[in-house]
């Protein structure tokens, strides 16, 4: 994933290029107060002709298009996302009101949503993740409730 430059849309700081942060959905430069006031590399030798430091001496490199990619920082619980791959392991990207956030994958015994028809989950405003590997969303069978229970929970396959 290519990092987003100044004034580009974002969902979290990790989407913005170095030196920028996500603020109200837009990448903005970090303020100088956040940056370190002391740059140790500037104590090194200067160019004798013009008195400036060379970028090679400072350890900077010219980032071309191929080098400007950041390692994608994955979202934790409650972080905004577009797809499940935006979230850390054990979480999925699910709808919450009118946005999508990282939510935990469901474990054994947790209430799940059984999909009746393909695409019917489009109406849910509080979408749940699927059950974890090795589990399936099945009707909860308990002697204290009627045999026609509509409650579904994650159970071993």
C-alpha atoms as a PDB file:
ATOM      1  CA  UNK A   1       0.000   0.000   0.000  1.00  0.00           C
ATOM      2  CA  UNK A   2       1.387   3.406  -0.958  1.00  0.00           C
ATOM      3  CA  UNK A   3       1.419   6.024   1.791  1.00  0.00           C
ATOM      4  CA  UNK A   4      -0.875   9.031   1.475  1.00  0.00           C
ATOM      5  CA  UNK A   5       0.678  12.490   1.103  1.00  0.00           C
ATOM      6  CA  UNK A   6      -0.360  15.780   2.673  1.00  0.00           C
ATOM      7  CA  UNK A   7      -4.013  16.783   2.067  1.00  0.00           C
ATOM      8  CA  UNK A   8      -5.021  13.247   0.953  1.00  0.00           C
ATOM      9  CA  UNK A   9      -7.883  11.281   2.560  1.00  0.00           C
ATOM     10  CA  UNK A  10      -7.051   8.798   5.364  1.00  0.00           C
ATOM     11  CA  UNK A  11      -8.637   6.697   8.123  1.00  0.00           C
ATOM     12  CA  UNK A  12      -5.658   6.404  10.526  1.00  0.00           C
ATOM     13  CA  UNK A  13      -2.104   7.689  11.014  1.00  0.00           C
ATOM     14  CA  UNK A  14      -0.563   4.560   9.465  1.00  0.00           C
ATOM     15  CA  UNK A  15      -2.032   5.448   6.070  1.00  0.00           C
ATOM     16  CA  UNK A  16      -0.160   8.794   5.895  1.00  0.00           C
ATOM     17  CA  UNK A  17       3.450   9.201   4.721  1.00  0.00           C
ATOM     18  CA  UNK A  18       6.189   9.758   7.327  1.00  0.00           C
ATOM     19  CA  UNK A  19       6.016  13.236   8.830  1.00  0.00           C
ATOM     20  CA  UNK A  20       2.231  13.332   8.439  1.00  0.00           C
ATOM     21  CA  UNK A  21      -0.658  12.166  10.594  1.00  0.00           C
ATOM     22  CA  UNK A  22      -4.360  11.564   9.965  1.00  0.00           C
ATOM     23  CA  UNK A  23      -6.560  14.353  11.341  1.00  0.00           C
ATOM     24  CA  UNK A  24     -10.307  14.439  10.600  1.00  0.00           C
ATOM     25  CA  UNK A  25      -9.835  12.133   7.613  1.00  0.00           C
ATOM     26  CA  UNK A  26      -7.022  14.182   5.985  1.00  0.00           C
ATOM     27  CA  UNK A  27      -3.236  13.660   6.151  1.00  0.00           C
ATOM     28  CA  UNK A  28      -1.613  16.734   7.694  1.00  0.00           C
ATOM     29  CA  UNK A  29       2.026  17.482   8.627  1.00  0.00           C
ATOM     30  CA  UNK A  30       2.995  16.718  12.207  1.00  0.00           C
ATOM     31  CA  UNK A  31       3.621  19.865  14.237  1.00  0.00           C
ATOM     32  CA  UNK A  32       7.185  20.825  15.082  1.00  0.00           C
ATOM     33  CA  UNK A  33       6.454  20.424  18.787  1.00  0.00           C
ATOM     34  CA  UNK A  34       6.043  16.686  18.196  1.00  0.00           C
ATOM     35  CA  UNK A  35       9.295  16.397  16.254  1.00  0.00           C
ATOM     36  CA  UNK A  36      12.597  16.076  18.060  1.00  0.00           C
ATOM     37  CA  UNK A  37      14.364  19.453  18.396  1.00  0.00           C
ATOM     38  CA  UNK A  38      17.856  17.926  18.183  1.00  0.00           C
ATOM     39  CA  UNK A  39      19.132  16.323  14.978  1.00  0.00           C
ATOM     40  CA  UNK A  40      22.420  14.532  15.751  1.00  0.00           C
ATOM     41  CA  UNK A  41      23.357  14.151  12.072  1.00  0.00           C
ATOM     42  CA  UNK A  42      23.752  17.930  11.778  1.00  0.00           C
ATOM     43  CA  UNK A  43      26.818  17.802  14.010  1.00  0.00           C
ATOM     44  CA  UNK A  44      28.765  16.092  11.202  1.00  0.00           C
ATOM     45  CA  UNK A  45      30.955  17.609   8.450  1.00  0.00           C
ATOM     46  CA  UNK A  46      29.673  20.220   5.981  1.00  0.00           C
ATOM     47  CA  UNK A  47      30.500  20.614   2.313  1.00  0.00           C
ATOM     48  CA  UNK A  48      33.486  22.969   2.078  1.00  0.00           C
ATOM     49  CA  UNK A  49      32.202  24.675  -1.098  1.00  0.00           C
ATOM     50  CA  UNK A  50      28.716  25.722   0.009  1.00  0.00           C
ATOM     51  CA  UNK A  51      28.703  25.048   3.775  1.00  0.00           C
ATOM     52  CA  UNK A  52      25.745  22.659   3.505  1.00  0.00           C
ATOM     53  CA  UNK A  53      25.366  19.061   4.613  1.00  0.00           C
ATOM     54  CA  UNK A  54      25.050  16.444   1.904  1.00  0.00           C
ATOM     55  CA  UNK A  55      22.020  14.179   2.050  1.00  0.00           C
ATOM     56  CA  UNK A  56      24.407  11.216   1.960  1.00  0.00           C
ATOM     57  CA  UNK A  57      26.093  12.393   5.191  1.00  0.00           C
ATOM     58  CA  UNK A  58      22.707  12.815   6.868  1.00  0.00           C
ATOM     59  CA  UNK A  59      21.652   9.284   5.986  1.00  0.00           C
ATOM     60  CA  UNK A  60      18.705  10.478   3.910  1.00  0.00           C
ATOM     61  CA  UNK A  61      17.769   8.801   0.695  1.00  0.00           C
ATOM     62  CA  UNK A  62      15.716   9.954  -2.227  1.00  0.00           C
ATOM     63  CA  UNK A  63      12.542   7.918  -2.063  1.00  0.00           C
ATOM     64  CA  UNK A  64      11.345   6.983  -5.509  1.00  0.00           C
ATOM     65  CA  UNK A  65       7.852   5.677  -6.196  1.00  0.00           C
ATOM     66  CA  UNK A  66       8.884   2.092  -5.501  1.00  0.00           C
ATOM     67  CA  UNK A  67      10.474   2.981  -2.163  1.00  0.00           C
ATOM     68  CA  UNK A  68       7.677   5.184  -0.821  1.00  0.00           C
ATOM     69  CA  UNK A  69       5.527   2.215   0.247  1.00  0.00           C
ATOM     70  CA  UNK A  70       4.984   1.905   3.985  1.00  0.00           C
ATOM     71  CA  UNK A  71       4.444  -1.345   5.757  1.00  0.00           C
ATOM     72  CA  UNK A  72       0.692  -1.358   6.306  1.00  0.00           C
ATOM     73  CA  UNK A  73      -0.178  -0.829   9.958  1.00  0.00           C
ATOM     74  CA  UNK A  74      -3.137  -3.034  10.824  1.00  0.00           C
ATOM     75  CA  UNK A  75      -6.056  -1.756  12.874  1.00  0.00           C
ATOM     76  CA  UNK A  76      -6.978  -2.902  16.377  1.00  0.00           C
ATOM     77  CA  UNK A  77     -10.454  -3.200  17.888  1.00  0.00           C
ATOM     78  CA  UNK A  78     -12.564  -0.152  17.055  1.00  0.00           C
ATOM     79  CA  UNK A  79     -10.192   1.223  14.394  1.00  0.00           C
ATOM     80  CA  UNK A  80     -11.785   2.217  11.069  1.00  0.00           C
ATOM     81  CA  UNK A  81     -11.229  -0.206   8.171  1.00  0.00           C
ATOM     82  CA  UNK A  82     -12.279  -0.946   4.621  1.00  0.00           C
ATOM     83  CA  UNK A  83     -11.710  -4.713   4.553  1.00  0.00           C
ATOM     84  CA  UNK A  84     -10.772  -7.464   7.027  1.00  0.00           C
ATOM     85  CA  UNK A  85      -7.139  -7.466   5.850  1.00  0.00           C
ATOM     86  CA  UNK A  86      -6.893  -3.945   7.367  1.00  0.00           C
ATOM     87  CA  UNK A  87      -7.352  -5.494  10.848  1.00  0.00           C
ATOM     88  CA  UNK A  88      -4.938  -7.521  13.007  1.00  0.00           C
ATOM     89  CA  UNK A  89      -5.322 -11.311  13.234  1.00  0.00           C
ATOM     90  CA  UNK A  90      -8.412 -12.381  15.150  1.00  0.00           C
ATOM     91  CA  UNK A  91     -10.421  -9.367  13.964  1.00  0.00           C
ATOM     92  CA  UNK A  92     -12.582  -8.634  10.937  1.00  0.00           C
ATOM     93  CA  UNK A  93     -13.874  -5.457   9.330  1.00  0.00           C
ATOM     94  CA  UNK A  94     -17.592  -5.179  10.131  1.00  0.00           C
ATOM     95  CA  UNK A  95     -20.260  -2.496   9.861  1.00  0.00           C
ATOM     96  CA  UNK A  96     -20.983  -0.395  12.962  1.00  0.00           C
ATOM     97  CA  UNK A  97     -23.704   2.157  12.305  1.00  0.00           C
ATOM     98  CA  UNK A  98     -22.694   3.645   8.949  1.00  0.00           C
ATOM     99  CA  UNK A  99     -18.949   3.024   9.121  1.00  0.00           C
ATOM    100  CA  UNK A 100     -16.808  -0.102   9.259  1.00  0.00           C
ATOM    101  CA  UNK A 101     -14.519  -0.912  12.195  1.00  0.00           C
ATOM    102  CA  UNK A 102     -12.310  -3.797  13.326  1.00  0.00           C
ATOM    103  CA  UNK A 103     -14.303  -6.185  15.529  1.00  0.00           C
ATOM    104  CA  UNK A 104     -13.222  -9.474  17.174  1.00  0.00           C
ATOM    105  CA  UNK A 105     -13.861 -12.791  15.431  1.00  0.00           C
ATOM    106  CA  UNK A 106     -16.451 -14.782  17.411  1.00  0.00           C
ATOM    107  CA  UNK A 107     -15.434 -17.677  19.689  1.00  0.00           C
ATOM    108  CA  UNK A 108     -17.304 -20.742  20.925  1.00  0.00           C
ATOM    109  CA  UNK A 109     -20.532 -19.892  22.757  1.00  0.00           C
ATOM    110  CA  UNK A 110     -20.745 -16.320  21.458  1.00  0.00           C
ATOM    111  CA  UNK A 111     -23.927 -15.156  19.731  1.00  0.00           C
ATOM    112  CA  UNK A 112     -23.571 -15.054  15.947  1.00  0.00           C
ATOM    113  CA  UNK A 113     -25.716 -14.015  13.005  1.00  0.00           C
ATOM    114  CA  UNK A 114     -26.938 -16.786  10.728  1.00  0.00           C
ATOM    115  CA  UNK A 115     -27.133 -15.566   7.138  1.00  0.00           C
ATOM    116  CA  UNK A 116     -30.521 -16.518   5.696  1.00  0.00           C
ATOM    117  CA  UNK A 117     -29.901 -15.441   2.115  1.00  0.00           C
ATOM    118  CA  UNK A 118     -26.777 -14.412   0.285  1.00  0.00           C
ATOM    119  CA  UNK A 119     -26.299 -10.666   0.667  1.00  0.00           C
ATOM    120  CA  UNK A 120     -28.898 -10.266   3.445  1.00  0.00           C
ATOM    121  CA  UNK A 121     -26.220  -8.937   5.824  1.00  0.00           C
ATOM    122  CA  UNK A 122     -26.336  -5.671   3.882  1.00  0.00           C
ATOM    123  CA  UNK A 123     -29.161  -4.480   6.156  1.00  0.00           C
ATOM    124  CA  UNK A 124     -27.331  -4.985   9.460  1.00  0.00           C
ATOM    125  CA  UNK A 125     -26.061  -1.785  11.061  1.00  0.00           C
ATOM    126  CA  UNK A 126     -24.284  -3.734  13.831  1.00  0.00           C
ATOM    127  CA  UNK A 127     -22.637  -6.464  11.792  1.00  0.00           C
ATOM    128  CA  UNK A 128     -20.826  -9.298  13.588  1.00  0.00           C
ATOM    129  CA  UNK A 129     -17.707 -11.137  12.481  1.00  0.00           C
ATOM    130  CA  UNK A 130     -17.952 -14.780  11.460  1.00  0.00           C
ATOM    131  CA  UNK A 131     -17.182 -17.577  13.898  1.00  0.00           C
ATOM    132  CA  UNK A 132     -13.512 -18.528  14.351  1.00  0.00           C
ATOM    133  CA  UNK A 133     -11.955 -21.447  12.436  1.00  0.00           C
ATOM    134  CA  UNK A 134     -13.446 -24.817  13.364  1.00  0.00           C
ATOM    135  CA  UNK A 135     -16.706 -23.221  14.549  1.00  0.00           C
ATOM    136  CA  UNK A 136     -20.049 -22.815  12.833  1.00  0.00           C
ATOM    137  CA  UNK A 137     -23.035 -20.560  13.513  1.00  0.00           C
ATOM    138  CA  UNK A 138     -25.835 -22.929  14.606  1.00  0.00           C
ATOM    139  CA  UNK A 139     -29.153 -22.705  16.443  1.00  0.00           C
ATOM    140  CA  UNK A 140     -28.614 -22.760  20.194  1.00  0.00           C
ATOM    141  CA  UNK A 141     -30.295 -25.838  21.636  1.00  0.00           C
ATOM    142  CA  UNK A 142     -31.084 -25.635  25.333  1.00  0.00           C
ATOM    143  CA  UNK A 143     -33.648 -27.588  27.369  1.00  0.00           C
ATOM    144  CA  UNK A 144     -34.926 -24.437  29.088  1.00  0.00           C
ATOM    145  CA  UNK A 145     -36.025 -22.822  25.829  1.00  0.00           C
ATOM    146  CA  UNK A 146     -38.455 -23.943  23.170  1.00  0.00           C
ATOM    147  CA  UNK A 147     -37.192 -26.156  20.380  1.00  0.00           C
ATOM    148  CA  UNK A 148     -37.842 -23.310  17.930  1.00  0.00           C
ATOM    149  CA  UNK A 149     -35.135 -21.001  19.267  1.00  0.00           C
ATOM    150  CA  UNK A 150     -33.982 -18.288  16.885  1.00  0.00           C
ATOM    151  CA  UNK A 151     -30.776 -17.618  18.814  1.00  0.00           C
ATOM    152  CA  UNK A 152     -27.595 -18.744  17.050  1.00  0.00           C
ATOM    153  CA  UNK A 153     -24.201 -19.296  18.710  1.00  0.00           C
ATOM    154  CA  UNK A 154     -20.759 -20.376  17.508  1.00  0.00           C
ATOM    155  CA  UNK A 155     -20.405 -24.136  18.026  1.00  0.00           C
ATOM    156  CA  UNK A 156     -17.833 -26.762  17.096  1.00  0.00           C
ATOM    157  CA  UNK A 157     -18.430 -28.253  13.668  1.00  0.00           C
END
